[in-house]
Amino acid sequence: MADEVTRIENPDASEYVSQLLGLVIQNLAGMGVSTKVSNAPIPDKKSSLIVEATVGLGVSATWEILKFAVGTLNPSRRASAGDEITLNGKRYAITEISEEDSDDLGDGD
C-alpha cells in the first residue's frame, strides 16, 4: 500500500471542500499516512484554501476517509450542490461521497 497515492483536488476553490480536505489531512496525519498539501490565498483575507492534496493511500481508502469526513463536519454547514472534489482526475459532487459506495469508483483497487 505504500506505493499507492491519490491526488485530491478542490477544482472550484470551495471553502467547504477546503474544510473537508483539512479534516481528511488531519485524520491521515494521525494515522501516520503521508500527505502533501497545496494552498491558494483567499483574496482580501489573511487565510488560504486547500486546493490540492496528495495522500499515501489508494483511491478506495481515500474515498472511505472522505465519507467519514463528510459525516463529521458540522451539520449546520452542508455541501452545496456545486461543491465538487476530484480524485485522480475524476470529478465527484460532495453529495455523492456520502451517498455512494466505493464500488462506484471504477478504479479497481
PDB file of N, CA and C in Angstrom:
ATOM      1  N   MET A   1       0.810  -1.196   0.000  1.00  0.00           N
ATOM      2  CA  MET A   1       0.000   0.000   0.000  1.00  0.00           C
ATOM      3  C   MET A   1       0.859   1.267   0.000  1.00  0.00           C
ATOM      4  N   ALA A   2       2.118   1.162   0.404  1.00  0.00           N
ATOM      5  CA  ALA A   2       2.982   2.330   0.489  1.00  0.00           C
ATOM      6  C   ALA A   2       3.175   2.996  -0.861  1.00  0.00           C
ATOM      7  N   ASP A   3       3.044   2.246  -1.963  1.00  0.00           N
ATOM      8  CA  ASP A   3       3.230   2.812  -3.288  1.00  0.00           C
ATOM      9  C   ASP A   3       1.975   3.486  -3.821  1.00  0.00           C
ATOM     10  N   GLU A   4       0.825   3.294  -3.174  1.00  0.00           N
ATOM     11  CA  GLU A   4      -0.410   3.885  -3.647  1.00  0.00           C
ATOM     12  C   GLU A   4      -0.481   5.358  -3.255  1.00  0.00           C
ATOM     13  N   VAL A   5      -0.937   6.175  -4.198  1.00  0.00           N
ATOM     14  CA  VAL A   5      -1.061   7.605  -3.971  1.00  0.00           C
ATOM     15  C   VAL A   5      -2.352   8.077  -4.639  1.00  0.00           C
ATOM     16  N   THR A   6      -3.069   8.952  -3.964  1.00  0.00           N
ATOM     17  CA  THR A   6      -4.274   9.542  -4.520  1.00  0.00           C
ATOM     18  C   THR A   6      -4.130  11.053  -4.503  1.00  0.00           C
ATOM     19  N   ARG A   7      -4.451  11.654  -5.624  1.00  0.00           N
ATOM     20  CA  ARG A   7      -4.435  13.114  -5.731  1.00  0.00           C
ATOM     21  C   ARG A   7      -5.871  13.608  -5.576  1.00  0.00           C
ATOM     22  N   ILE A   8      -6.085  14.470  -4.591  1.00  0.00           N
ATOM     23  CA  ILE A   8      -7.401  15.041  -4.318  1.00  0.00           C
ATOM     24  C   ILE A   8      -7.333  16.526  -4.647  1.00  0.00           C
ATOM     25  N   GLU A   9      -8.280  16.990  -5.452  1.00  0.00           N
ATOM     26  CA  GLU A   9      -8.285  18.402  -5.824  1.00  0.00           C
ATOM     27  C   GLU A   9      -9.594  19.069  -5.441  1.00  0.00           C
ATOM     28  N   ASN A  10      -9.510  20.348  -5.191  1.00  0.00           N
ATOM     29  CA  ASN A  10     -10.639  21.225  -4.918  1.00  0.00           C
ATOM     30  C   ASN A  10     -10.775  22.093  -6.168  1.00  0.00           C
ATOM     31  N   PRO A  11     -11.431  21.576  -7.229  1.00  0.00           N
ATOM     32  CA  PRO A  11     -11.372  22.226  -8.545  1.00  0.00           C
ATOM     33  C   PRO A  11     -11.985  23.613  -8.603  1.00  0.00           C
ATOM     34  N   ASP A  12     -12.930  23.911  -7.734  1.00  0.00           N
ATOM     35  CA  ASP A  12     -13.604  25.211  -7.776  1.00  0.00           C
ATOM     36  C   ASP A  12     -13.216  26.119  -6.609  1.00  0.00           C
ATOM     37  N   ALA A  13     -12.148  25.745  -5.892  1.00  0.00           N
ATOM     38  CA  ALA A  13     -11.669  26.513  -4.743  1.00  0.00           C
ATOM     39  C   ALA A  13     -12.792  26.803  -3.752  1.00  0.00           C
ATOM     40  N   SER A  14     -13.546  25.769  -3.422  1.00  0.00           N
ATOM     41  CA  SER A  14     -14.665  25.863  -2.484  1.00  0.00           C
ATOM     42  C   SER A  14     -14.152  25.875  -1.048  1.00  0.00           C
ATOM     43  N   GLU A  15     -14.701  26.772  -0.219  1.00  0.00           N
ATOM     44  CA  GLU A  15     -14.309  26.808   1.187  1.00  0.00           C
ATOM     45  C   GLU A  15     -14.742  25.530   1.902  1.00  0.00           C
ATOM     46  N   TYR A  16     -15.923  25.007   1.556  1.00  0.00           N
ATOM     47  CA  TYR A  16     -16.392  23.767   2.179  1.00  0.00           C
ATOM     48  C   TYR A  16     -15.444  22.617   1.854  1.00  0.00           C
ATOM     49  N   VAL A  17     -15.054  22.493   0.588  1.00  0.00           N
ATOM     50  CA  VAL A  17     -14.151  21.412   0.190  1.00  0.00           C
ATOM     51  C   VAL A  17     -12.800  21.590   0.863  1.00  0.00           C
ATOM     52  N   SER A  18     -12.350  22.820   1.022  1.00  0.00           N
ATOM     53  CA  SER A  18     -11.093  23.075   1.722  1.00  0.00           C
ATOM     54  C   SER A  18     -11.180  22.601   3.173  1.00  0.00           C
ATOM     55  N   GLN A  19     -12.305  22.883   3.845  1.00  0.00           N
ATOM     56  CA  GLN A  19     -12.502  22.402   5.214  1.00  0.00           C
ATOM     57  C   GLN A  19     -12.511  20.879   5.251  1.00  0.00           C
ATOM     58  N   LEU A  20     -13.170  20.281   4.278  1.00  0.00           N
ATOM     59  CA  LEU A  20     -13.235  18.821   4.182  1.00  0.00           C
ATOM     60  C   LEU A  20     -11.833  18.235   4.014  1.00  0.00           C
ATOM     61  N   LEU A  21     -11.048  18.809   3.116  1.00  0.00           N
ATOM     62  CA  LEU A  21      -9.688  18.320   2.903  1.00  0.00           C
ATOM     63  C   LEU A  21      -8.835  18.516   4.153  1.00  0.00           C
ATOM     64  N   GLY A  22      -9.032  19.612   4.860  1.00  0.00           N
ATOM     65  CA  GLY A  22      -8.305  19.826   6.108  1.00  0.00           C
ATOM     66  C   GLY A  22      -8.596  18.734   7.120  1.00  0.00           C
ATOM     67  N   LEU A  23      -9.859  18.332   7.214  1.00  0.00           N
ATOM     68  CA  LEU A  23     -10.235  17.253   8.130  1.00  0.00           C
ATOM     69  C   LEU A  23      -9.642  15.925   7.690  1.00  0.00           C
ATOM     70  N   VAL A  24      -9.646  15.663   6.384  1.00  0.00           N
ATOM     71  CA  VAL A  24      -9.049  14.437   5.847  1.00  0.00           C
ATOM     72  C   VAL A  24      -7.560  14.392   6.184  1.00  0.00           C
ATOM     73  N   ILE A  25      -6.870  15.495   5.936  1.00  0.00           N
ATOM     74  CA  ILE A  25      -5.427  15.560   6.181  1.00  0.00           C
ATOM     75  C   ILE A  25      -5.125  15.385   7.673  1.00  0.00           C
ATOM     76  N   GLN A  26      -5.925  15.998   8.516  1.00  0.00           N
ATOM     77  CA  GLN A  26      -5.752  15.859   9.963  1.00  0.00           C
ATOM     78  C   GLN A  26      -5.903  14.398  10.383  1.00  0.00           C
ATOM     79  N   ASN A  27      -6.910  13.722   9.864  1.00  0.00           N
ATOM     80  CA  ASN A  27      -7.120  12.313  10.199  1.00  0.00           C
ATOM     81  C   ASN A  27      -5.986  11.442   9.680  1.00  0.00           C
ATOM     82  N   LEU A  28      -5.548  11.691   8.459  1.00  0.00           N
ATOM     83  CA  LEU A  28      -4.473  10.889   7.878  1.00  0.00           C
ATOM     84  C   LEU A  28      -3.157  11.098   8.623  1.00  0.00           C
ATOM     85  N   ALA A  29      -2.893  12.328   9.040  1.00  0.00           N
ATOM     86  CA  ALA A  29      -1.676  12.594   9.812  1.00  0.00           C
ATOM     87  C   ALA A  29      -1.693  11.804  11.118  1.00  0.00           C
ATOM     88  N   GLY A  30      -2.864  11.723  11.739  1.00  0.00           N
ATOM     89  CA  GLY A  30      -2.998  10.950  12.969  1.00  0.00           C
ATOM     90  C   GLY A  30      -2.780   9.463  12.759  1.00  0.00           C
ATOM     91  N   MET A  31      -2.985   9.005  11.523  1.00  0.00           N
ATOM     92  CA  MET A  31      -2.781   7.597  11.170  1.00  0.00           C
ATOM     93  C   MET A  31      -1.378   7.338  10.637  1.00  0.00           C
ATOM     94  N   GLY A  32      -0.569   8.403  10.517  1.00  0.00           N
ATOM     95  CA  GLY A  32       0.789   8.255  10.004  1.00  0.00           C
ATOM     96  C   GLY A  32       0.875   8.140   8.493  1.00  0.00           C
ATOM     97  N   VAL A  33      -0.180   8.553   7.772  1.00  0.00           N
ATOM     98  CA  VAL A  33      -0.194   8.497   6.313  1.00  0.00           C
ATOM     99  C   VAL A  33       0.440   9.769   5.762  1.00  0.00           C
ATOM    100  N   SER A  34       1.299   9.624   4.769  1.00  0.00           N
ATOM    101  CA  SER A  34       1.964  10.788   4.192  1.00  0.00           C
ATOM    102  C   SER A  34       0.975  11.637   3.400  1.00  0.00           C
ATOM    103  N   THR A  35       1.132  12.961   3.503  1.00  0.00           N
ATOM    104  CA  THR A  35       0.300  13.899   2.765  1.00  0.00           C
ATOM    105  C   THR A  35       1.141  15.055   2.267  1.00  0.00           C
ATOM    106  N   LYS A  36       0.714  15.626   1.155  1.00  0.00           N
ATOM    107  CA  LYS A  36       1.332  16.837   0.624  1.00  0.00           C
ATOM    108  C   LYS A  36       0.182  17.759   0.237  1.00  0.00           C
ATOM    109  N   VAL A  37       0.245  19.013   0.673  1.00  0.00           N
ATOM    110  CA  VAL A  37      -0.868  19.937   0.510  1.00  0.00           C
ATOM    111  C   VAL A  37      -0.427  21.168  -0.273  1.00  0.00           C
ATOM    112  N   SER A  38      -1.316  21.649  -1.170  1.00  0.00           N
ATOM    113  CA  SER A  38      -1.110  22.915  -1.873  1.00  0.00           C
ATOM    114  C   SER A  38      -2.242  23.857  -1.497  1.00  0.00           C
ATOM    115  N   ASN A  39      -1.874  25.082  -1.140  1.00  0.00           N
ATOM    116  CA  ASN A  39      -2.850  26.095  -0.739  1.00  0.00           C
ATOM    117  C   ASN A  39      -2.861  27.244  -1.728  1.00  0.00           C
ATOM    118  N   ALA A  40      -3.987  27.977  -1.749  1.00  0.00           N
ATOM    119  CA  ALA A  40      -4.111  29.200  -2.530  1.00  0.00           C
ATOM    120  C   ALA A  40      -4.680  30.269  -1.616  1.00  0.00           C
ATOM    121  N   PRO A  41      -4.136  31.484  -1.691  1.00  0.00           N
ATOM    122  CA  PRO A  41      -4.654  32.550  -0.825  1.00  0.00           C
ATOM    123  C   PRO A  41      -6.092  32.910  -1.192  1.00  0.00           C
ATOM    124  N   ILE A  42      -6.859  33.321  -0.179  1.00  0.00           N
ATOM    125  CA  ILE A  42      -8.213  33.830  -0.408  1.00  0.00           C
ATOM    126  C   ILE A  42      -8.079  35.342  -0.563  1.00  0.00           C
ATOM    127  N   PRO A  43      -8.541  35.878  -1.705  1.00  0.00           N
ATOM    128  CA  PRO A  43      -8.435  37.328  -1.897  1.00  0.00           C
ATOM    129  C   PRO A  43      -9.113  38.102  -0.767  1.00  0.00           C
ATOM    130  N   ASP A  44      -8.487  39.155  -0.325  1.00  0.00           N
ATOM    131  CA  ASP A  44      -8.997  40.047   0.712  1.00  0.00           C
ATOM    132  C   ASP A  44      -9.115  39.395   2.087  1.00  0.00           C
ATOM    133  N   LYS A  45      -8.481  38.255   2.286  1.00  0.00           N
ATOM    134  CA  LYS A  45      -8.481  37.605   3.593  1.00  0.00           C
ATOM    135  C   LYS A  45      -7.058  37.186   3.929  1.00  0.00           C
ATOM    136  N   LYS A  46      -6.801  36.956   5.210  1.00  0.00           N
ATOM    137  CA  LYS A  46      -5.478  36.526   5.636  1.00  0.00           C
ATOM    138  C   LYS A  46      -5.427  35.022   5.828  1.00  0.00           C
ATOM    139  N   SER A  47      -6.162  34.304   5.001  1.00  0.00           N
ATOM    140  CA  SER A  47      -6.170  32.842   5.088  1.00  0.00           C
ATOM    141  C   SER A  47      -6.043  32.260   3.688  1.00  0.00           C
ATOM    142  N   SER A  48      -6.028  30.951   3.627  1.00  0.00           N
ATOM    143  CA  SER A  48      -5.896  30.296   2.333  1.00  0.00           C
ATOM    144  C   SER A  48      -6.822  29.084   2.267  1.00  0.00           C
ATOM    145  N   LEU A  49      -6.996  28.593   1.063  1.00  0.00           N
ATOM    146  CA  LEU A  49      -7.796  27.405   0.815  1.00  0.00           C
ATOM    147  C   LEU A  49      -6.891  26.256   0.425  1.00  0.00           C
ATOM    148  N   ILE A  50      -7.257  25.063   0.830  1.00  0.00           N
ATOM    149  CA  ILE A  50      -6.556  23.877   0.335  1.00  0.00           C
ATOM    150  C   ILE A  50      -7.122  23.595  -1.050  1.00  0.00           C
ATOM    151  N   VAL A  51      -6.266  23.610  -2.054  1.00  0.00           N
ATOM    152  CA  VAL A  51      -6.725  23.371  -3.421  1.00  0.00           C
ATOM    153  C   VAL A  51      -6.308  22.003  -3.939  1.00  0.00           C
ATOM    154  N   GLU A  52      -5.343  21.386  -3.264  1.00  0.00           N
ATOM    155  CA  GLU A  52      -4.889  20.063  -3.699  1.00  0.00           C
ATOM    156  C   GLU A  52      -4.183  19.358  -2.546  1.00  0.00           C
ATOM    157  N   ALA A  53      -4.388  18.048  -2.495  1.00  0.00           N
ATOM    158  CA  ALA A  53      -3.672  17.228  -1.520  1.00  0.00           C
ATOM    159  C   ALA A  53      -3.312  15.917  -2.196  1.00  0.00           C
ATOM    160  N   THR A  54      -2.129  15.443  -1.926  1.00  0.00           N
ATOM    161  CA  THR A  54      -1.708  14.128  -2.379  1.00  0.00           C
ATOM    162  C   THR A  54      -1.510  13.293  -1.134  1.00  0.00           C
ATOM    163  N   VAL A  55      -2.164  12.131  -1.103  1.00  0.00           N
ATOM    164  CA  VAL A  55      -2.113  11.290   0.093  1.00  0.00           C
ATOM    165  C   VAL A  55      -1.581   9.909  -0.254  1.00  0.00           C
ATOM    166  N   GLY A  56      -0.918   9.295   0.699  1.00  0.00           N
ATOM    167  CA  GLY A  56      -0.312   7.983   0.509  1.00  0.00           C
ATOM    168  C   GLY A  56      -1.282   6.841   0.749  1.00  0.00           C
ATOM    169  N   LEU A  57      -2.444   6.909   0.121  1.00  0.00           N
ATOM    170  CA  LEU A  57      -3.455   5.852   0.186  1.00  0.00           C
ATOM    171  C   LEU A  57      -4.028   5.637  -1.204  1.00  0.00           C
ATOM    172  N   GLY A  58      -4.602   4.472  -1.434  1.00  0.00           N
ATOM    173  CA  GLY A  58      -5.308   4.214  -2.680  1.00  0.00           C
ATOM    174  C   GLY A  58      -6.623   4.972  -2.715  1.00  0.00           C
ATOM    175  N   VAL A  59      -7.256   4.995  -3.884  1.00  0.00           N
ATOM    176  CA  VAL A  59      -8.495   5.749  -4.065  1.00  0.00           C
ATOM    177  C   VAL A  59      -9.611   5.220  -3.159  1.00  0.00           C
ATOM    178  N   SER A  60      -9.770   3.921  -3.068  1.00  0.00           N
ATOM    179  CA  SER A  60     -10.865   3.362  -2.260  1.00  0.00           C
ATOM    180  C   SER A  60     -10.720   3.726  -0.787  1.00  0.00           C
ATOM    181  N   ALA A  61      -9.515   3.632  -0.255  1.00  0.00           N
ATOM    182  CA  ALA A  61      -9.281   4.001   1.144  1.00  0.00           C
ATOM    183  C   ALA A  61      -9.492   5.501   1.345  1.00  0.00           C
ATOM    184  N   THR A  62      -9.048   6.298   0.390  1.00  0.00           N
ATOM    185  CA  THR A  62      -9.238   7.741   0.466  1.00  0.00           C
ATOM    186  C   THR A  62     -10.727   8.070   0.434  1.00  0.00           C
ATOM    187  N   TRP A  63     -11.478   7.370  -0.407  1.00  0.00           N
ATOM    188  CA  TRP A  63     -12.931   7.566  -0.504  1.00  0.00           C
ATOM    189  C   TRP A  63     -13.584   7.308   0.852  1.00  0.00           C
ATOM    190  N   GLU A  64     -13.164   6.261   1.544  1.00  0.00           N
ATOM    191  CA  GLU A  64     -13.742   5.937   2.855  1.00  0.00           C
ATOM    192  C   GLU A  64     -13.429   7.041   3.875  1.00  0.00           C
ATOM    193  N   ILE A  65     -12.219   7.574   3.835  1.00  0.00           N
ATOM    194  CA  ILE A  65     -11.855   8.679   4.729  1.00  0.00           C
ATOM    195  C   ILE A  65     -12.691   9.910   4.394  1.00  0.00           C
ATOM    196  N   LEU A  66     -12.914  10.169   3.102  1.00  0.00           N
ATOM    197  CA  LEU A  66     -13.752  11.301   2.694  1.00  0.00           C
ATOM    198  C   LEU A  66     -15.181  11.138   3.202  1.00  0.00           C
ATOM    199  N   LYS A  67     -15.723   9.920   3.106  1.00  0.00           N
ATOM    200  CA  LYS A  67     -17.081   9.675   3.600  1.00  0.00           C
ATOM    201  C   LYS A  67     -17.156   9.962   5.101  1.00  0.00           C
ATOM    202  N   PHE A  68     -16.154   9.537   5.841  1.00  0.00           N
ATOM    203  CA  PHE A  68     -16.093   9.811   7.272  1.00  0.00           C
ATOM    204  C   PHE A  68     -16.049  11.323   7.519  1.00  0.00           C
ATOM    205  N   ALA A  69     -15.202  12.024   6.774  1.00  0.00           N
ATOM    206  CA  ALA A  69     -15.036  13.463   6.967  1.00  0.00           C
ATOM    207  C   ALA A  69     -16.322  14.219   6.639  1.00  0.00           C
ATOM    208  N   VAL A  70     -17.005  13.836   5.576  1.00  0.00           N
ATOM    209  CA  VAL A  70     -18.267  14.490   5.212  1.00  0.00           C
ATOM    210  C   VAL A  70     -19.276  14.323   6.342  1.00  0.00           C
ATOM    211  N   GLY A  71     -19.334  13.143   6.931  1.00  0.00           N
ATOM    212  CA  GLY A  71     -20.249  12.890   8.034  1.00  0.00           C
ATOM    213  C   GLY A  71     -19.853  13.563   9.329  1.00  0.00           C
ATOM    214  N   THR A  72     -18.590  13.959   9.446  1.00  0.00           N
ATOM    215  CA  THR A  72     -18.073  14.552  10.676  1.00  0.00           C
ATOM    216  C   THR A  72     -18.187  16.066  10.707  1.00  0.00           C
ATOM    217  N   LEU A  73     -18.146  16.707   9.535  1.00  0.00           N
ATOM    218  CA  LEU A  73     -18.200  18.168   9.509  1.00  0.00           C
ATOM    219  C   LEU A  73     -19.478  18.677  10.164  1.00  0.00           C
ATOM    220  N   ASN A  74     -19.415  19.858  10.690  1.00  0.00           N
ATOM    221  CA  ASN A  74     -20.543  20.494  11.366  1.00  0.00           C
ATOM    222  C   ASN A  74     -21.824  20.354  10.534  1.00  0.00           C
ATOM    223  N   PRO A  75     -22.870  19.748  11.100  1.00  0.00           N
ATOM    224  CA  PRO A  75     -24.110  19.546  10.348  1.00  0.00           C
ATOM    225  C   PRO A  75     -24.761  20.829   9.857  1.00  0.00           C
ATOM    226  N   SER A  76     -24.456  21.955  10.484  1.00  0.00           N
ATOM    227  CA  SER A  76     -25.048  23.210  10.030  1.00  0.00           C
ATOM    228  C   SER A  76     -24.401  23.694   8.731  1.00  0.00           C
ATOM    229  N   ARG A  77     -23.268  23.118   8.381  1.00  0.00           N
ATOM    230  CA  ARG A  77     -22.582  23.510   7.139  1.00  0.00           C
ATOM    231  C   ARG A  77     -22.533  22.298   6.231  1.00  0.00           C
ATOM    232  N   ARG A  78     -23.460  22.217   5.326  1.00  0.00           N
ATOM    233  CA  ARG A  78     -23.525  21.116   4.370  1.00  0.00           C
ATOM    234  C   ARG A  78     -22.982  21.561   3.022  1.00  0.00           C
ATOM    235  N   ALA A  79     -22.593  20.614   2.228  1.00  0.00           N
ATOM    236  CA  ALA A  79     -22.114  20.902   0.886  1.00  0.00           C
ATOM    237  C   ALA A  79     -23.254  21.457   0.051  1.00  0.00           C
ATOM    238  N   SER A  80     -22.940  22.418  -0.780  1.00  0.00           N
ATOM    239  CA  SER A  80     -23.941  22.906  -1.721  1.00  0.00           C
ATOM    240  C   SER A  80     -23.912  22.007  -2.957  1.00  0.00           C
ATOM    241  N   ALA A  81     -24.900  22.143  -3.789  1.00  0.00           N
ATOM    242  CA  ALA A  81     -24.999  21.300  -4.984  1.00  0.00           C
ATOM    243  C   ALA A  81     -23.769  21.442  -5.885  1.00  0.00           C
ATOM    244  N   GLY A  82     -23.100  22.582  -5.827  1.00  0.00           N
ATOM    245  CA  GLY A  82     -21.958  22.809  -6.698  1.00  0.00           C
ATOM    246  C   GLY A  82     -20.617  22.392  -6.125  1.00  0.00           C
ATOM    247  N   ASP A  83     -20.568  21.988  -4.864  1.00  0.00           N
ATOM    248  CA  ASP A  83     -19.299  21.597  -4.259  1.00  0.00           C
ATOM    249  C   ASP A  83     -18.834  20.266  -4.830  1.00  0.00           C
ATOM    250  N   GLU A  84     -17.636  20.283  -5.415  1.00  0.00           N
ATOM    251  CA  GLU A  84     -17.090  19.086  -6.045  1.00  0.00           C
ATOM    252  C   GLU A  84     -15.662  18.841  -5.601  1.00  0.00           C
ATOM    253  N   ILE A  85     -15.251  17.590  -5.782  1.00  0.00           N
ATOM    254  CA  ILE A  85     -13.895  17.172  -5.459  1.00  0.00           C
ATOM    255  C   ILE A  85     -13.424  16.276  -6.593  1.00  0.00           C
ATOM    256  N   THR A  86     -12.131  16.260  -6.826  1.00  0.00           N
ATOM    257  CA  THR A  86     -11.569  15.417  -7.875  1.00  0.00           C
ATOM    258  C   THR A  86     -10.603  14.424  -7.245  1.00  0.00           C
ATOM    259  N   LEU A  87     -10.788  13.148  -7.567  1.00  0.00           N
ATOM    260  CA  LEU A  87      -9.877  12.093  -7.122  1.00  0.00           C
ATOM    261  C   LEU A  87      -9.183  11.526  -8.347  1.00  0.00           C
ATOM    262  N   ASN A  88      -7.877  11.709  -8.414  1.00  0.00           N
ATOM    263  CA  ASN A  88      -7.079  11.240  -9.553  1.00  0.00           C
ATOM    264  C   ASN A  88      -7.714  11.599 -10.889  1.00  0.00           C
ATOM    265  N   GLY A  89      -8.215  12.831 -10.983  1.00  0.00           N
ATOM    266  CA  GLY A  89      -8.750  13.333 -12.237  1.00  0.00           C
ATOM    267  C   GLY A  89     -10.230  13.100 -12.470  1.00  0.00           C
ATOM    268  N   LYS A  90     -10.883  12.310 -11.634  1.00  0.00           N
ATOM    269  CA  LYS A  90     -12.312  12.053 -11.803  1.00  0.00           C
ATOM    270  C   LYS A  90     -13.092  12.918 -10.823  1.00  0.00           C
ATOM    271  N   ARG A  91     -14.038  13.676 -11.359  1.00  0.00           N
ATOM    272  CA  ARG A  91     -14.788  14.643 -10.556  1.00  0.00           C
ATOM    273  C   ARG A  91     -16.030  14.005  -9.930  1.00  0.00           C
ATOM    274  N   TYR A  92     -16.266  14.353  -8.650  1.00  0.00           N
ATOM    275  CA  TYR A  92     -17.425  13.875  -7.900  1.00  0.00           C
ATOM    276  C   TYR A  92     -18.071  15.046  -7.178  1.00  0.00           C
ATOM    277  N   ALA A  93     -19.399  15.060  -7.115  1.00  0.00           N
ATOM    278  CA  ALA A  93     -20.102  16.010  -6.258  1.00  0.00           C
ATOM    279  C   ALA A  93     -19.901  15.543  -4.818  1.00  0.00           C
ATOM    280  N   ILE A  94     -19.739  16.474  -3.898  1.00  0.00           N
ATOM    281  CA  ILE A  94     -19.567  16.109  -2.489  1.00  0.00           C
ATOM    282  C   ILE A  94     -20.763  15.292  -2.012  1.00  0.00           C
ATOM    283  N   THR A  95     -21.942  15.601  -2.513  1.00  0.00           N
ATOM    284  CA  THR A  95     -23.132  14.850  -2.101  1.00  0.00           C
ATOM    285  C   THR A  95     -23.038  13.383  -2.490  1.00  0.00           C
ATOM    286  N   GLU A  96     -22.282  13.052  -3.543  1.00  0.00           N
ATOM    287  CA  GLU A  96     -22.083  11.652  -3.945  1.00  0.00           C
ATOM    288  C   GLU A  96     -21.267  10.882  -2.911  1.00  0.00           C
ATOM    289  N   ILE A  97     -20.363  11.564  -2.249  1.00  0.00           N
ATOM    290  CA  ILE A  97     -19.450  10.892  -1.331  1.00  0.00           C
ATOM    291  C   ILE A  97     -20.202  10.260  -0.170  1.00  0.00           C
ATOM    292  N   SER A  98     -21.217  10.918   0.319  1.00  0.00           N
ATOM    293  CA  SER A  98     -21.958  10.360   1.439  1.00  0.00           C
ATOM    294  C   SER A  98     -23.035   9.379   0.990  1.00  0.00           C
ATOM    295  N   GLU A  99     -23.333   9.327  -0.311  1.00  0.00           N
ATOM    296  CA  GLU A  99     -24.429   8.505  -0.802  1.00  0.00           C
ATOM    297  C   GLU A  99     -23.985   7.225  -1.492  1.00  0.00           C
ATOM    298  N   GLU A 100     -22.786   7.217  -2.077  1.00  0.00           N
ATOM    299  CA  GLU A 100     -22.362   6.081  -2.883  1.00  0.00           C
ATOM    300  C   GLU A 100     -21.340   5.214  -2.167  1.00  0.00           C
ATOM    301  N   ASP A 101     -21.236   3.977  -2.622  1.00  0.00           N
ATOM    302  CA  ASP A 101     -20.199   3.075  -2.124  1.00  0.00           C
ATOM    303  C   ASP A 101     -18.933   3.245  -2.935  1.00  0.00           C
ATOM    304  N   SER A 102     -17.815   2.807  -2.392  1.00  0.00           N
ATOM    305  CA  SER A 102     -16.549   2.883  -3.121  1.00  0.00           C
ATOM    306  C   SER A 102     -16.556   1.988  -4.345  1.00  0.00           C
ATOM    307  N   ASP A 103     -17.523   1.052  -4.449  1.00  0.00           N
ATOM    308  CA  ASP A 103     -17.623   0.193  -5.639  1.00  0.00           C
ATOM    309  C   ASP A 103     -17.863   1.028  -6.882  1.00  0.00           C
ATOM    310  N   ASP A 104     -18.411   2.214  -6.728  1.00  0.00           N
ATOM    311  CA  ASP A 104     -18.735   3.068  -7.867  1.00  0.00           C
ATOM    312  C   ASP A 104     -17.540   3.876  -8.361  1.00  0.00           C
ATOM    313  N   LEU A 105     -16.393   3.700  -7.740  1.00  0.00           N
ATOM    314  CA  LEU A 105     -15.230   4.484  -8.135  1.00  0.00           C
ATOM    315  C   LEU A 105     -14.645   4.030  -9.468  1.00  0.00           C
ATOM    316  N   GLY A 106     -14.786   2.759  -9.781  1.00  0.00           N
ATOM    317  CA  GLY A 106     -14.294   2.260 -11.054  1.00  0.00           C
ATOM    318  C   GLY A 106     -12.795   2.273 -11.189  1.00  0.00           C
ATOM    319  N   ASP A 107     -12.055   2.221 -10.070  1.00  0.00           N
ATOM    320  CA  ASP A 107     -10.601   2.282 -10.156  1.00  0.00           C
ATOM    321  C   ASP A 107      -9.953   0.909  -9.978  1.00  0.00           C
ATOM    322  N   GLY A 108     -10.744  -0.061  -9.601  1.00  0.00           N
ATOM    323  CA  GLY A 108     -10.227  -1.413  -9.496  1.00  0.00           C
ATOM    324  C   GLY A 108      -9.437  -1.726  -8.250  1.00  0.00           C
ATOM    325  N   ASP A 109      -9.235  -0.746  -7.323  1.00  0.00           N
ATOM    326  CA  ASP A 109      -8.467  -1.098  -6.118  1.00  0.00           C
ATOM    327  C   ASP A 109      -9.335  -1.306  -4.929  1.00  0.00           C
TER     328      ASP A 109
END
